[in-house]
Amino acid sequence: MSEGTQQSPFSADQRRALVCVLDRIIPPSADAKMPGAGELGLADHIEQVLRKTPDLLSTITDGLEAADERAAGSGEKAFERLPDSERSRVLAELSTTHPGFLPSLIFHTYVGYYQHPTVVAALGMETHPPYPTGFPMEPGDLTLLDGVKQRTQMYRDA
């Protein structure tokens, strides 16, 4: 089974909550030039991370379930239906009751966000690797290696 066809580790409710949490971690800019992490589709990136590090899965899913439970305590059925101010309050509470949830999610959100081609382009950076089409290098002075070349062999032949 290819990575793109694997089943999501999240329920539909957890995935919707995750998208909202991601948009609280990195919200869209006021001028709409920079998308929010949730609207950018970083839930897919988080799923890929969790496939590679399954130890994090319960930390993230437990945090998302707790977010929905706290929303239910506020009279809403799901975290996604809370207004932004309430979402921030719930996440602040989760930072103490589920201490591994936000730091893990924040780290992986930033990694995915700042590697995303849309964000790289919005920041005015080029979206290709620096080599081979990238930065020109000045020719070096290869005579600097003469001392290394004159050394005797410092390793064993296999």
C-alpha atoms as a PDB file:
ATOM      1  CA  MET A   1       0.000   0.000   0.000  1.00  0.00           C
ATOM      2  CA  SER A   2       1.456   3.372  -0.937  1.00  0.00           C
ATOM      3  CA  GLU A   3       1.732   6.225   1.522  1.00  0.00           C
ATOM      4  CA  GLY A   4      -1.012   8.170  -0.234  1.00  0.00           C
ATOM      5  CA  THR A   5      -3.548   5.336   0.127  1.00  0.00           C
ATOM      6  CA  GLN A   6      -2.950   4.530   3.803  1.00  0.00           C
ATOM      7  CA  GLN A   7      -5.845   4.975   6.160  1.00  0.00           C
ATOM      8  CA  SER A   8      -5.794   8.135   8.246  1.00  0.00           C
ATOM      9  CA  PRO A   9      -4.822   7.669  11.901  1.00  0.00           C
ATOM     10  CA  PHE A  10      -7.546  10.219  12.756  1.00  0.00           C
ATOM     11  CA  SER A  11     -11.300   9.932  12.889  1.00  0.00           C
ATOM     12  CA  ALA A  12     -13.229  12.522  10.883  1.00  0.00           C
ATOM     13  CA  ASP A  13     -13.882  14.526  14.079  1.00  0.00           C
ATOM     14  CA  GLN A  14     -10.218  14.387  15.093  1.00  0.00           C
ATOM     15  CA  ARG A  15      -9.128  15.505  11.634  1.00  0.00           C
ATOM     16  CA  ARG A  16     -11.471  18.521  11.731  1.00  0.00           C
ATOM     17  CA  ALA A  17     -10.203  19.399  15.201  1.00  0.00           C
ATOM     18  CA  LEU A  18      -6.610  19.013  13.985  1.00  0.00           C
ATOM     19  CA  VAL A  19      -7.181  21.461  11.116  1.00  0.00           C
ATOM     20  CA  CYS A  20      -8.562  24.016  13.601  1.00  0.00           C
ATOM     21  CA  VAL A  21      -5.651  23.489  16.008  1.00  0.00           C
ATOM     22  CA  LEU A  22      -3.167  23.926  13.161  1.00  0.00           C
ATOM     23  CA  ASP A  23      -4.832  27.226  12.229  1.00  0.00           C
ATOM     24  CA  ARG A  24      -4.456  28.352  15.863  1.00  0.00           C
ATOM     25  CA  ILE A  25      -0.762  27.411  15.840  1.00  0.00           C
ATOM     26  CA  ILE A  26      -0.109  29.318  12.602  1.00  0.00           C
ATOM     27  CA  PRO A  27      -3.127  31.442  11.694  1.00  0.00           C
ATOM     28  CA  PRO A  28      -3.528  32.995   8.264  1.00  0.00           C
ATOM     29  CA  SER A  29      -2.054  36.469   7.973  1.00  0.00           C
ATOM     30  CA  ALA A  30      -4.420  39.434   8.068  1.00  0.00           C
ATOM     31  CA  ASP A  31      -3.483  40.387   4.504  1.00  0.00           C
ATOM     32  CA  ALA A  32      -4.124  36.799   3.297  1.00  0.00           C
ATOM     33  CA  LYS A  33      -0.615  36.503   1.830  1.00  0.00           C
ATOM     34  CA  MET A  34       0.335  33.727   4.230  1.00  0.00           C
ATOM     35  CA  PRO A  35      -2.107  30.851   4.671  1.00  0.00           C
ATOM     36  CA  GLY A  36      -2.867  29.286   8.008  1.00  0.00           C
ATOM     37  CA  ALA A  37      -1.357  25.880   8.697  1.00  0.00           C
ATOM     38  CA  GLY A  38      -4.756  24.186   8.721  1.00  0.00           C
ATOM     39  CA  GLU A  39      -5.995  25.713   5.504  1.00  0.00           C
ATOM     40  CA  LEU A  40      -2.659  24.859   3.880  1.00  0.00           C
ATOM     41  CA  GLY A  41      -3.420  21.172   4.397  1.00  0.00           C
ATOM     42  CA  LEU A  42      -0.733  20.399   6.960  1.00  0.00           C
ATOM     43  CA  ALA A  43      -2.963  17.740   8.510  1.00  0.00           C
ATOM     44  CA  ASP A  44      -1.579  15.484   5.757  1.00  0.00           C
ATOM     45  CA  HIS A  45       1.961  16.350   6.859  1.00  0.00           C
ATOM     46  CA  ILE A  46       1.095  15.536  10.484  1.00  0.00           C
ATOM     47  CA  GLU A  47      -0.347  12.195   9.388  1.00  0.00           C
ATOM     48  CA  GLN A  48       2.883  11.375   7.556  1.00  0.00           C
ATOM     49  CA  VAL A  49       4.901  12.293  10.654  1.00  0.00           C
ATOM     50  CA  LEU A  50       2.732  10.036  12.802  1.00  0.00           C
ATOM     51  CA  ARG A  51       3.198   7.134  10.410  1.00  0.00           C
ATOM     52  CA  LYS A  52       6.952   7.504  10.858  1.00  0.00           C
ATOM     53  CA  THR A  53       6.780   8.120  14.629  1.00  0.00           C
ATOM     54  CA  PRO A  54       3.833   6.079  15.902  1.00  0.00           C
ATOM     55  CA  ASP A  55       4.801   6.793  19.529  1.00  0.00           C
ATOM     56  CA  LEU A  56       3.386  10.295  19.027  1.00  0.00           C
ATOM     57  CA  LEU A  57       0.025   9.068  17.760  1.00  0.00           C
ATOM     58  CA  SER A  58      -1.630   8.594  21.150  1.00  0.00           C
ATOM     59  CA  THR A  59      -0.277  11.944  22.371  1.00  0.00           C
ATOM     60  CA  ILE A  60      -1.845  13.769  19.433  1.00  0.00           C
ATOM     61  CA  THR A  61      -5.127  11.830  19.289  1.00  0.00           C
ATOM     62  CA  ASP A  62      -5.595  12.113  23.079  1.00  0.00           C
ATOM     63  CA  GLY A  63      -5.073  15.874  22.821  1.00  0.00           C
ATOM     64  CA  LEU A  64      -7.571  16.193  19.973  1.00  0.00           C
ATOM     65  CA  GLU A  65     -10.150  14.132  21.871  1.00  0.00           C
ATOM     66  CA  ALA A  66      -9.610  16.294  24.950  1.00  0.00           C
ATOM     67  CA  ALA A  67     -10.157  19.412  22.840  1.00  0.00           C
ATOM     68  CA  ASP A  68     -13.518  18.065  21.672  1.00  0.00           C
ATOM     69  CA  GLU A  69     -14.439  17.055  25.254  1.00  0.00           C
ATOM     70  CA  ARG A  70     -13.686  20.555  26.496  1.00  0.00           C
ATOM     71  CA  ALA A  71     -15.755  22.010  23.654  1.00  0.00           C
ATOM     72  CA  ALA A  72     -18.639  19.785  24.742  1.00  0.00           C
ATOM     73  CA  GLY A  73     -18.213  21.159  28.258  1.00  0.00           C
ATOM     74  CA  SER A  74     -18.602  24.651  26.783  1.00  0.00           C
ATOM     75  CA  GLY A  75     -21.893  23.721  25.144  1.00  0.00           C
ATOM     76  CA  GLU A  76     -20.555  22.998  21.654  1.00  0.00           C
ATOM     77  CA  LYS A  77     -20.435  19.583  20.038  1.00  0.00           C
ATOM     78  CA  ALA A  78     -16.913  19.902  18.682  1.00  0.00           C
ATOM     79  CA  PHE A  79     -13.750  21.979  19.001  1.00  0.00           C
ATOM     80  CA  GLU A  80     -14.166  23.195  15.420  1.00  0.00           C
ATOM     81  CA  ARG A  81     -17.421  24.968  16.334  1.00  0.00           C
ATOM     82  CA  LEU A  82     -15.862  27.082  19.074  1.00  0.00           C
ATOM     83  CA  PRO A  83     -15.045  30.729  18.371  1.00  0.00           C
ATOM     84  CA  ASP A  84     -11.327  31.529  18.100  1.00  0.00           C
ATOM     85  CA  SER A  85     -11.129  32.975  21.618  1.00  0.00           C
ATOM     86  CA  GLU A  86     -12.576  29.770  23.088  1.00  0.00           C
ATOM     87  CA  ARG A  87     -10.256  27.644  20.975  1.00  0.00           C
ATOM     88  CA  SER A  88      -7.289  29.539  22.406  1.00  0.00           C
ATOM     89  CA  ARG A  89      -8.613  29.033  25.945  1.00  0.00           C
ATOM     90  CA  VAL A  90      -9.056  25.287  25.379  1.00  0.00           C
ATOM     91  CA  LEU A  91      -5.550  24.969  23.947  1.00  0.00           C
ATOM     92  CA  ALA A  92      -4.111  26.866  26.909  1.00  0.00           C
ATOM     93  CA  GLU A  93      -5.831  24.387  29.242  1.00  0.00           C
ATOM     94  CA  LEU A  94      -4.531  21.447  27.208  1.00  0.00           C
ATOM     95  CA  SER A  95      -0.983  22.749  27.543  1.00  0.00           C
ATOM     96  CA  THR A  96      -1.174  21.844  31.243  1.00  0.00           C
ATOM     97  CA  THR A  97      -3.430  18.773  31.161  1.00  0.00           C
ATOM     98  CA  HIS A  98      -1.779  17.182  28.081  1.00  0.00           C
ATOM     99  CA  PRO A  99       1.782  18.561  28.241  1.00  0.00           C
ATOM    100  CA  GLY A 100       3.181  16.651  25.239  1.00  0.00           C
ATOM    101  CA  PHE A 101       0.350  17.518  22.863  1.00  0.00           C
ATOM    102  CA  LEU A 102       1.076  21.104  21.837  1.00  0.00           C
ATOM    103  CA  PRO A 103       4.903  21.067  21.859  1.00  0.00           C
ATOM    104  CA  SER A 104       4.974  18.016  19.575  1.00  0.00           C
ATOM    105  CA  LEU A 105       2.313  19.403  17.295  1.00  0.00           C
ATOM    106  CA  ILE A 106       3.869  22.871  17.175  1.00  0.00           C
ATOM    107  CA  PHE A 107       7.283  21.490  16.224  1.00  0.00           C
ATOM    108  CA  HIS A 108       5.971  19.327  13.388  1.00  0.00           C
ATOM    109  CA  THR A 109       3.623  22.079  12.207  1.00  0.00           C
ATOM    110  CA  TYR A 110       6.483  24.551  11.843  1.00  0.00           C
ATOM    111  CA  VAL A 111       8.645  21.989  10.050  1.00  0.00           C
ATOM    112  CA  GLY A 112       5.894  21.241   7.525  1.00  0.00           C
ATOM    113  CA  TYR A 113       4.767  24.846   7.157  1.00  0.00           C
ATOM    114  CA  TYR A 114       8.128  26.387   6.342  1.00  0.00           C
ATOM    115  CA  GLN A 115       8.970  23.614   3.865  1.00  0.00           C
ATOM    116  CA  HIS A 116       5.688  23.939   1.982  1.00  0.00           C
ATOM    117  CA  PRO A 117       6.196  25.393  -1.537  1.00  0.00           C
ATOM    118  CA  THR A 118       3.334  27.885  -1.080  1.00  0.00           C
ATOM    119  CA  VAL A 119       4.937  29.351   2.049  1.00  0.00           C
ATOM    120  CA  VAL A 120       8.439  29.335   0.584  1.00  0.00           C
ATOM    121  CA  ALA A 121       7.157  31.268  -2.459  1.00  0.00           C
ATOM    122  CA  ALA A 122       5.126  33.669  -0.267  1.00  0.00           C
ATOM    123  CA  LEU A 123       8.305  34.444   1.665  1.00  0.00           C
ATOM    124  CA  GLY A 124       9.993  35.385  -1.610  1.00  0.00           C
ATOM    125  CA  MET A 125      12.385  32.474  -1.547  1.00  0.00           C
ATOM    126  CA  GLU A 126      13.152  30.267  -4.495  1.00  0.00           C
ATOM    127  CA  THR A 127      11.428  26.900  -4.411  1.00  0.00           C
ATOM    128  CA  HIS A 128      14.288  24.818  -5.783  1.00  0.00           C
ATOM    129  CA  PRO A 129      17.258  23.300  -4.029  1.00  0.00           C
ATOM    130  CA  PRO A 130      20.421  25.402  -3.995  1.00  0.00           C
ATOM    131  CA  TYR A 131      22.302  22.922  -6.143  1.00  0.00           C
ATOM    132  CA  PRO A 132      22.625  22.465  -9.133  1.00  0.00           C
ATOM    133  CA  THR A 133      20.736  25.564 -10.270  1.00  0.00           C
ATOM    134  CA  GLY A 134      21.459  27.584  -7.165  1.00  0.00           C
ATOM    135  CA  PHE A 135      24.168  29.692  -5.755  1.00  0.00           C
ATOM    136  CA  PRO A 136      27.374  30.319  -7.714  1.00  0.00           C
ATOM    137  CA  MET A 137      30.580  29.392  -5.938  1.00  0.00           C
ATOM    138  CA  GLU A 138      33.828  31.197  -6.290  1.00  0.00           C
ATOM    139  CA  PRO A 139      36.698  28.999  -7.435  1.00  0.00           C
ATOM    140  CA  GLY A 140      38.777  27.938  -4.465  1.00  0.00           C
ATOM    141  CA  ASP A 141      42.520  27.815  -3.986  1.00  0.00           C
ATOM    142  CA  LEU A 142      43.215  24.078  -4.335  1.00  0.00           C
ATOM    143  CA  THR A 143      46.814  24.522  -3.180  1.00  0.00           C
ATOM    144  CA  LEU A 144      45.354  24.682   0.319  1.00  0.00           C
ATOM    145  CA  LEU A 145      44.923  20.911   0.083  1.00  0.00           C
ATOM    146  CA  ASP A 146      48.614  20.224  -0.631  1.00  0.00           C
ATOM    147  CA  GLY A 147      49.398  19.500   3.026  1.00  0.00           C
ATOM    148  CA  VAL A 148      46.605  16.940   3.214  1.00  0.00           C
ATOM    149  CA  LYS A 149      47.674  15.309  -0.041  1.00  0.00           C
ATOM    150  CA  GLN A 150      51.252  14.898   1.224  1.00  0.00           C
ATOM    151  CA  ARG A 151      50.250  13.058   4.411  1.00  0.00           C
ATOM    152  CA  THR A 152      50.799   9.371   4.694  1.00  0.00           C
ATOM    153  CA  GLN A 153      47.852   7.034   4.617  1.00  0.00           C
ATOM    154  CA  MET A 154      45.935   7.234   7.903  1.00  0.00           C
ATOM    155  CA  TYR A 155      43.501   4.362   7.318  1.00  0.00           C
ATOM    156  CA  ARG A 156      43.572   0.632   6.607  1.00  0.00           C
ATOM    157  CA  ASP A 157      42.709  -0.850   3.263  1.00  0.00           C
ATOM    158  CA  ALA A 158      39.736  -3.156   3.634  1.00  0.00           C
END
